Protein backbone atom coordinates (compact mmCIF):
# COMPACT_ATOMS: atom_id res chain seq x y z
CA MET A 1 178.48 91.39 99.07
CA ARG A 2 177.43 87.78 98.84
CA CYS A 3 179.20 85.29 96.58
CA TRP A 4 176.20 85.04 94.27
CA GLU A 5 176.17 88.81 93.72
CA LEU A 6 179.86 88.63 92.86
CA ALA A 7 179.32 85.77 90.43
CA LYS A 8 176.51 87.59 88.64
CA ASN A 9 178.83 90.54 88.01
CA LEU A 10 181.56 88.49 86.30
CA ASN A 11 182.17 88.81 82.58
CA ASN A 12 181.72 85.75 80.37
CA SER A 13 185.39 84.80 80.46
CA GLU A 14 185.46 84.95 84.24
CA LYS A 15 182.20 82.98 84.46
CA PHE A 16 183.69 80.31 82.22
CA GLU A 17 186.81 80.08 84.39
CA LEU A 18 184.68 79.90 87.53
CA SER A 19 182.58 77.15 85.94
CA LEU A 20 185.69 75.10 85.18
CA MET A 21 186.92 75.52 88.75
CA LEU A 22 183.53 74.48 90.13
CA MET A 23 183.35 71.44 87.86
CA GLU A 24 186.80 70.34 89.01
CA SER A 25 185.77 70.83 92.62
CA ILE A 26 182.57 68.85 92.09
CA LYS A 27 184.45 65.98 90.44
CA THR A 28 186.84 65.84 93.37
CA ALA A 29 184.03 65.98 95.92
CA PHE A 30 182.07 63.37 94.00
CA ALA A 31 185.02 61.03 93.89
CA ALA A 32 185.74 61.57 97.58
CA SER A 33 182.13 60.92 98.53
CA LYS A 34 182.06 57.52 96.89
CA LYS A 35 182.25 54.74 99.45
CA ASP A 36 183.65 52.44 96.79
CA ASP A 37 187.44 52.70 96.73
CA ASP A 38 187.39 51.44 93.14
CA PHE A 39 185.86 54.70 91.83
CA ASP A 40 188.19 56.12 89.20
CA VAL A 41 187.67 59.75 88.15
CA GLU A 42 189.76 59.27 85.03
CA GLU A 43 187.69 56.26 83.98
CA TYR A 44 184.53 58.24 84.66
CA GLU A 45 185.78 61.09 82.46
CA ARG A 46 186.78 58.68 79.67
CA ASN A 47 183.22 57.34 79.58
CA LEU A 48 181.63 60.76 79.26
CA ARG A 49 180.20 61.42 75.84
CA PRO A 50 178.32 64.25 74.17
CA TYR A 51 174.55 64.00 73.80
CA THR A 52 173.18 62.94 70.43
CA MET A 53 170.74 65.21 68.60
CA ASP A 54 167.98 62.68 69.33
CA GLU A 55 168.74 62.87 73.06
CA ILE A 56 168.81 66.67 72.97
CA ASN A 57 165.51 66.80 71.08
CA ALA A 58 163.95 64.35 73.55
CA MET A 59 165.08 66.52 76.47
CA LEU A 60 163.66 69.61 74.77
CA ASP A 61 160.36 67.83 74.10
CA GLU A 62 160.17 66.77 77.74
CA ALA A 63 160.93 70.31 78.95
CA GLU A 64 158.33 71.80 76.61
CA ALA A 65 155.75 69.27 77.86
CA ARG A 66 156.49 70.29 81.48
CA ILE A 67 156.12 73.95 80.54
CA ASP A 68 152.82 73.25 78.75
CA ALA A 69 151.63 71.39 81.86
CA GLY A 70 152.54 74.39 84.02
CA SER A 71 155.33 72.52 85.79
CA TYR A 72 158.19 74.99 85.72
CA VAL A 73 159.91 77.65 87.80
CA THR A 74 160.34 81.12 86.38
CA ASN A 75 163.75 82.74 86.28
CA GLU A 76 162.62 85.29 88.85
CA ASP A 77 161.33 82.59 91.22
CA PHE A 78 164.50 80.54 90.83
CA PHE A 79 166.79 83.44 91.71
CA ARG A 80 164.50 84.60 94.55
CA GLU A 81 164.58 81.08 96.03
CA TRP A 82 168.35 80.89 95.46
CA ASP A 83 168.90 84.21 97.26
CA GLU A 84 166.65 83.08 100.12
CA GLU A 85 168.60 79.83 100.45
CA ILE A 86 171.91 81.70 100.50
CA ALA A 87 170.56 84.10 103.12
CA ARG A 88 169.44 81.13 105.29
CA ALA A 89 172.85 79.50 104.94
CA GLU A 90 174.64 82.74 105.83
CA GLN A 91 172.36 83.24 108.84
CA LEU A 92 173.04 79.69 110.02
CA GLU A 93 176.77 80.20 109.61
CA GLU A 94 176.63 83.45 111.61
CA GLU A 95 174.64 81.72 114.37
CA GLN A 96 177.14 78.86 114.51
CA GLN A 97 180.06 81.28 114.70
CA LEU A 98 178.32 83.17 117.50
CA GLU A 99 177.67 79.91 119.38
CA MET A 100 181.33 78.95 119.03
CA ALA A 101 182.44 82.40 120.24
CA VAL A 102 180.15 82.21 123.26
CA ALA A 103 181.36 78.68 124.03
CA VAL A 104 184.96 79.87 124.11
């Protein structure tokens, strides 16, 4: 069973815990990817702030305008594309493992 199938079957508490773990992993990867040695994750986190209601309403207005213009991806299309991307990545990984096994 693929990771995505496992994630879809988690309960809300487990999904929340997984989200926190992923966010921590992303922060670490983001910090590591910065070429600037002065990047400070703690400083970055201190500067985070919640959106204001005006910002949220502006984002909603923008999203609704994109939907009205026909510029959106349906839930079904998103998950189909996601599954296809995962399948491609898994196929590539299998091919690389096979190449390494043949090389040995």
